[in-house]
């Protein structure tokens, strides 16, 4: 999802409806790639973000450990190709 799609999705809600919203961006993924010492392409970073959205578990949420795991997963997938 990109910001434009998120805005369109949010338009379906009443403007005064209370909510909680967290946004993760490529910069957040890059923070983890730097920590792990790996380089991902822009497309791989987008894939990490897609997986974050698709695999979101309400019990665990999305946190640095989840992002770290997905970065490793996407980087490992590149190695298999």
N, C-alpha and C. Protein backbone atom coordinates (compact mmCIF):
# COMPACT_ATOMS: atom_id res chain seq x y z
N UNK A 1 0.85 -1.17 0.00
CA UNK A 1 0.00 0.00 0.00
C UNK A 1 0.90 1.23 0.00
N UNK A 2 0.45 2.24 -0.70
CA UNK A 2 1.19 3.50 -0.64
C UNK A 2 0.33 4.55 0.07
N UNK A 3 0.86 5.71 0.30
CA UNK A 3 0.16 6.74 1.06
C UNK A 3 -1.15 7.13 0.37
N UNK A 4 -1.14 7.24 -0.95
CA UNK A 4 -2.35 7.60 -1.69
C UNK A 4 -3.45 6.56 -1.48
N UNK A 5 -3.09 5.29 -1.53
CA UNK A 5 -4.07 4.23 -1.30
C UNK A 5 -4.59 4.28 0.13
N UNK A 6 -3.72 4.56 1.08
CA UNK A 6 -4.15 4.66 2.47
C UNK A 6 -5.13 5.81 2.65
N UNK A 7 -4.86 6.93 2.01
CA UNK A 7 -5.76 8.08 2.10
C UNK A 7 -7.13 7.72 1.52
N UNK A 8 -7.14 7.06 0.36
CA UNK A 8 -8.41 6.65 -0.24
C UNK A 8 -9.16 5.70 0.68
N UNK A 9 -8.46 4.77 1.29
CA UNK A 9 -9.10 3.83 2.22
C UNK A 9 -9.70 4.57 3.42
N UNK A 10 -8.96 5.53 3.94
CA UNK A 10 -9.43 6.28 5.11
C UNK A 10 -10.67 7.13 4.80
N UNK A 11 -10.86 7.49 3.55
CA UNK A 11 -12.02 8.29 3.16
C UNK A 11 -13.33 7.55 3.40
N UNK A 12 -13.27 6.23 3.52
CA UNK A 12 -14.49 5.45 3.74
C UNK A 12 -14.98 5.52 5.19
N UNK A 13 -14.20 6.13 6.06
CA UNK A 13 -14.57 6.27 7.47
C UNK A 13 -15.09 7.67 7.75
N UNK A 14 -15.92 7.78 8.78
CA UNK A 14 -16.36 9.11 9.19
C UNK A 14 -15.15 9.90 9.69
N UNK A 15 -15.08 11.17 9.34
CA UNK A 15 -13.92 12.00 9.66
C UNK A 15 -13.68 12.14 11.16
N UNK A 16 -14.72 12.03 11.97
CA UNK A 16 -14.55 12.20 13.41
C UNK A 16 -14.44 10.87 14.17
N UNK A 17 -14.32 9.77 13.43
CA UNK A 17 -14.19 8.46 14.06
C UNK A 17 -12.81 8.34 14.72
N UNK A 18 -12.77 8.07 16.02
CA UNK A 18 -11.47 7.88 16.68
C UNK A 18 -10.76 6.65 16.09
N UNK A 19 -9.45 6.70 16.03
CA UNK A 19 -8.69 5.56 15.52
C UNK A 19 -7.24 5.65 16.01
N UNK A 20 -6.54 4.56 15.83
CA UNK A 20 -5.09 4.53 16.07
C UNK A 20 -4.45 4.17 14.73
N UNK A 21 -3.40 4.84 14.39
CA UNK A 21 -2.78 4.64 13.09
C UNK A 21 -1.27 4.67 13.25
N UNK A 22 -0.62 3.68 12.66
CA UNK A 22 0.84 3.63 12.66
C UNK A 22 1.28 3.47 11.21
N UNK A 23 2.23 4.26 10.79
CA UNK A 23 2.73 4.17 9.42
C UNK A 23 4.22 3.83 9.46
N UNK A 24 4.57 2.77 8.74
CA UNK A 24 5.97 2.38 8.56
C UNK A 24 6.35 2.74 7.13
N UNK A 25 7.53 3.27 6.94
CA UNK A 25 7.98 3.72 5.63
C UNK A 25 9.30 3.05 5.25
N UNK A 26 9.74 3.25 4.01
CA UNK A 26 11.03 2.69 3.62
C UNK A 26 12.18 3.10 4.55
N UNK A 27 12.12 4.28 5.11
CA UNK A 27 13.18 4.72 6.04
C UNK A 27 13.28 3.79 7.24
N UNK A 28 12.14 3.30 7.71
CA UNK A 28 12.16 2.37 8.84
C UNK A 28 12.82 1.06 8.46
N UNK A 29 12.51 0.57 7.26
CA UNK A 29 13.13 -0.67 6.79
C UNK A 29 14.63 -0.45 6.62
N UNK A 30 15.02 0.69 6.08
CA UNK A 30 16.44 0.99 5.89
C UNK A 30 17.19 1.06 7.21
N UNK A 31 16.53 1.48 8.28
CA UNK A 31 17.15 1.48 9.60
C UNK A 31 17.60 0.07 9.96
N UNK A 32 16.75 -0.91 9.67
CA UNK A 32 17.08 -2.30 9.98
C UNK A 32 18.13 -2.84 9.02
N UNK A 33 18.06 -2.49 7.73
CA UNK A 33 19.08 -2.99 6.80
C UNK A 33 20.45 -2.48 7.20
N UNK A 34 20.52 -1.24 7.65
CA UNK A 34 21.81 -0.69 8.11
C UNK A 34 22.30 -1.44 9.35
N UNK A 35 21.38 -1.70 10.27
CA UNK A 35 21.73 -2.44 11.49
C UNK A 35 22.28 -3.82 11.15
N UNK A 36 21.65 -4.48 10.16
CA UNK A 36 22.06 -5.84 9.79
C UNK A 36 23.22 -5.86 8.80
N UNK A 37 23.55 -4.71 8.24
CA UNK A 37 24.65 -4.64 7.29
C UNK A 37 24.31 -5.25 5.94
N UNK A 38 23.03 -5.15 5.54
CA UNK A 38 22.62 -5.66 4.23
C UNK A 38 22.07 -4.52 3.40
N UNK A 39 22.15 -4.67 2.10
CA UNK A 39 21.60 -3.68 1.17
C UNK A 39 20.42 -4.32 0.46
N UNK A 40 19.28 -3.65 0.47
CA UNK A 40 18.13 -4.10 -0.30
C UNK A 40 17.84 -3.06 -1.37
N UNK A 41 17.33 -3.53 -2.50
CA UNK A 41 16.90 -2.61 -3.55
C UNK A 41 15.61 -1.94 -3.11
N UNK A 42 15.22 -0.90 -3.83
CA UNK A 42 13.95 -0.23 -3.54
C UNK A 42 12.78 -1.21 -3.66
N UNK A 43 12.86 -2.11 -4.64
CA UNK A 43 11.80 -3.10 -4.83
C UNK A 43 11.77 -4.09 -3.67
N UNK A 44 12.92 -4.48 -3.16
CA UNK A 44 12.97 -5.40 -2.02
C UNK A 44 12.44 -4.72 -0.75
N UNK A 45 12.73 -3.45 -0.59
CA UNK A 45 12.21 -2.70 0.55
C UNK A 45 10.69 -2.64 0.46
N UNK A 46 10.16 -2.41 -0.74
CA UNK A 46 8.70 -2.42 -0.93
C UNK A 46 8.14 -3.79 -0.60
N UNK A 47 8.85 -4.85 -0.94
CA UNK A 47 8.41 -6.20 -0.62
C UNK A 47 8.35 -6.42 0.88
N UNK A 48 9.33 -5.92 1.60
CA UNK A 48 9.30 -6.01 3.07
C UNK A 48 8.05 -5.31 3.60
N UNK A 49 7.77 -4.11 3.10
CA UNK A 49 6.59 -3.37 3.54
C UNK A 49 5.30 -4.12 3.19
N UNK A 50 5.25 -4.72 1.99
CA UNK A 50 4.07 -5.50 1.60
C UNK A 50 3.86 -6.68 2.56
N UNK A 51 4.93 -7.38 2.85
CA UNK A 51 4.84 -8.52 3.77
C UNK A 51 4.43 -8.07 5.17
N UNK A 52 4.89 -6.91 5.58
CA UNK A 52 4.49 -6.38 6.88
C UNK A 52 2.97 -6.23 6.93
N UNK A 53 2.40 -5.68 5.86
CA UNK A 53 0.95 -5.48 5.81
C UNK A 53 0.18 -6.78 5.70
N UNK A 54 0.66 -7.69 4.87
CA UNK A 54 -0.05 -8.95 4.65
C UNK A 54 0.02 -9.88 5.84
N UNK A 55 1.11 -9.87 6.55
CA UNK A 55 1.32 -10.82 7.64
C UNK A 55 1.08 -10.23 9.02
N UNK A 56 0.51 -9.05 9.05
CA UNK A 56 0.28 -8.40 10.34
C UNK A 56 -0.52 -9.32 11.26
N UNK A 57 -0.02 -9.52 12.45
CA UNK A 57 -0.67 -10.34 13.47
C UNK A 57 -1.05 -9.40 14.60
N UNK A 58 -2.34 -9.28 14.86
CA UNK A 58 -2.80 -8.33 15.87
C UNK A 58 -2.27 -8.65 17.26
N UNK A 59 -1.89 -9.88 17.51
CA UNK A 59 -1.34 -10.25 18.81
C UNK A 59 0.08 -9.72 18.96
N UNK A 60 0.85 -9.80 17.89
CA UNK A 60 2.26 -9.39 17.92
C UNK A 60 2.42 -7.95 17.47
N UNK A 61 1.64 -7.56 16.48
CA UNK A 61 1.79 -6.24 15.90
C UNK A 61 2.95 -6.21 14.93
N UNK A 62 3.34 -5.04 14.53
CA UNK A 62 4.54 -4.86 13.71
C UNK A 62 5.51 -4.11 14.60
N UNK A 63 6.68 -4.71 14.80
CA UNK A 63 7.71 -4.09 15.64
C UNK A 63 9.06 -4.31 14.98
N UNK A 64 10.10 -3.83 15.61
CA UNK A 64 11.43 -3.93 15.00
C UNK A 64 11.84 -5.38 14.78
N UNK A 65 11.45 -6.28 15.67
CA UNK A 65 11.79 -7.69 15.49
C UNK A 65 11.11 -8.27 14.25
N UNK A 66 9.86 -7.90 14.04
CA UNK A 66 9.13 -8.37 12.85
C UNK A 66 9.81 -7.83 11.59
N UNK A 67 10.14 -6.56 11.59
CA UNK A 67 10.78 -5.97 10.41
C UNK A 67 12.14 -6.62 10.18
N UNK A 68 12.88 -6.83 11.23
CA UNK A 68 14.20 -7.48 11.13
C UNK A 68 14.06 -8.86 10.48
N UNK A 69 13.07 -9.62 10.92
CA UNK A 69 12.84 -10.96 10.38
C UNK A 69 12.48 -10.90 8.90
N UNK A 70 11.64 -9.96 8.53
CA UNK A 70 11.23 -9.84 7.12
C UNK A 70 12.38 -9.36 6.23
N UNK A 71 13.22 -8.47 6.74
CA UNK A 71 14.39 -8.05 5.97
C UNK A 71 15.29 -9.26 5.71
N UNK A 72 15.52 -10.05 6.73
CA UNK A 72 16.33 -11.26 6.55
C UNK A 72 15.70 -12.21 5.53
N UNK A 73 14.39 -12.35 5.61
CA UNK A 73 13.66 -13.24 4.70
C UNK A 73 13.78 -12.78 3.25
N UNK A 74 13.57 -11.50 3.02
CA UNK A 74 13.65 -10.96 1.66
C UNK A 74 15.09 -11.03 1.14
N UNK A 75 16.05 -10.73 2.00
CA UNK A 75 17.46 -10.82 1.59
C UNK A 75 17.83 -12.26 1.27
N UNK A 76 17.37 -13.21 2.07
CA UNK A 76 17.66 -14.63 1.81
C UNK A 76 17.03 -15.10 0.51
N UNK A 77 15.84 -14.60 0.20
CA UNK A 77 15.18 -14.98 -1.04
C UNK A 77 16.01 -14.56 -2.26
N UNK A 78 16.67 -13.43 -2.14
CA UNK A 78 17.54 -12.97 -3.23
C UNK A 78 18.69 -13.95 -3.44
N UNK A 79 19.20 -14.49 -2.35
CA UNK A 79 20.34 -15.40 -2.43
C UNK A 79 19.96 -16.72 -3.12
N UNK A 80 18.70 -17.10 -3.05
CA UNK A 80 18.22 -18.35 -3.63
C UNK A 80 18.06 -18.23 -5.14
N UNK A 81 17.78 -17.02 -5.61
CA UNK A 81 17.53 -16.80 -7.05
C UNK A 81 18.73 -17.07 -7.89
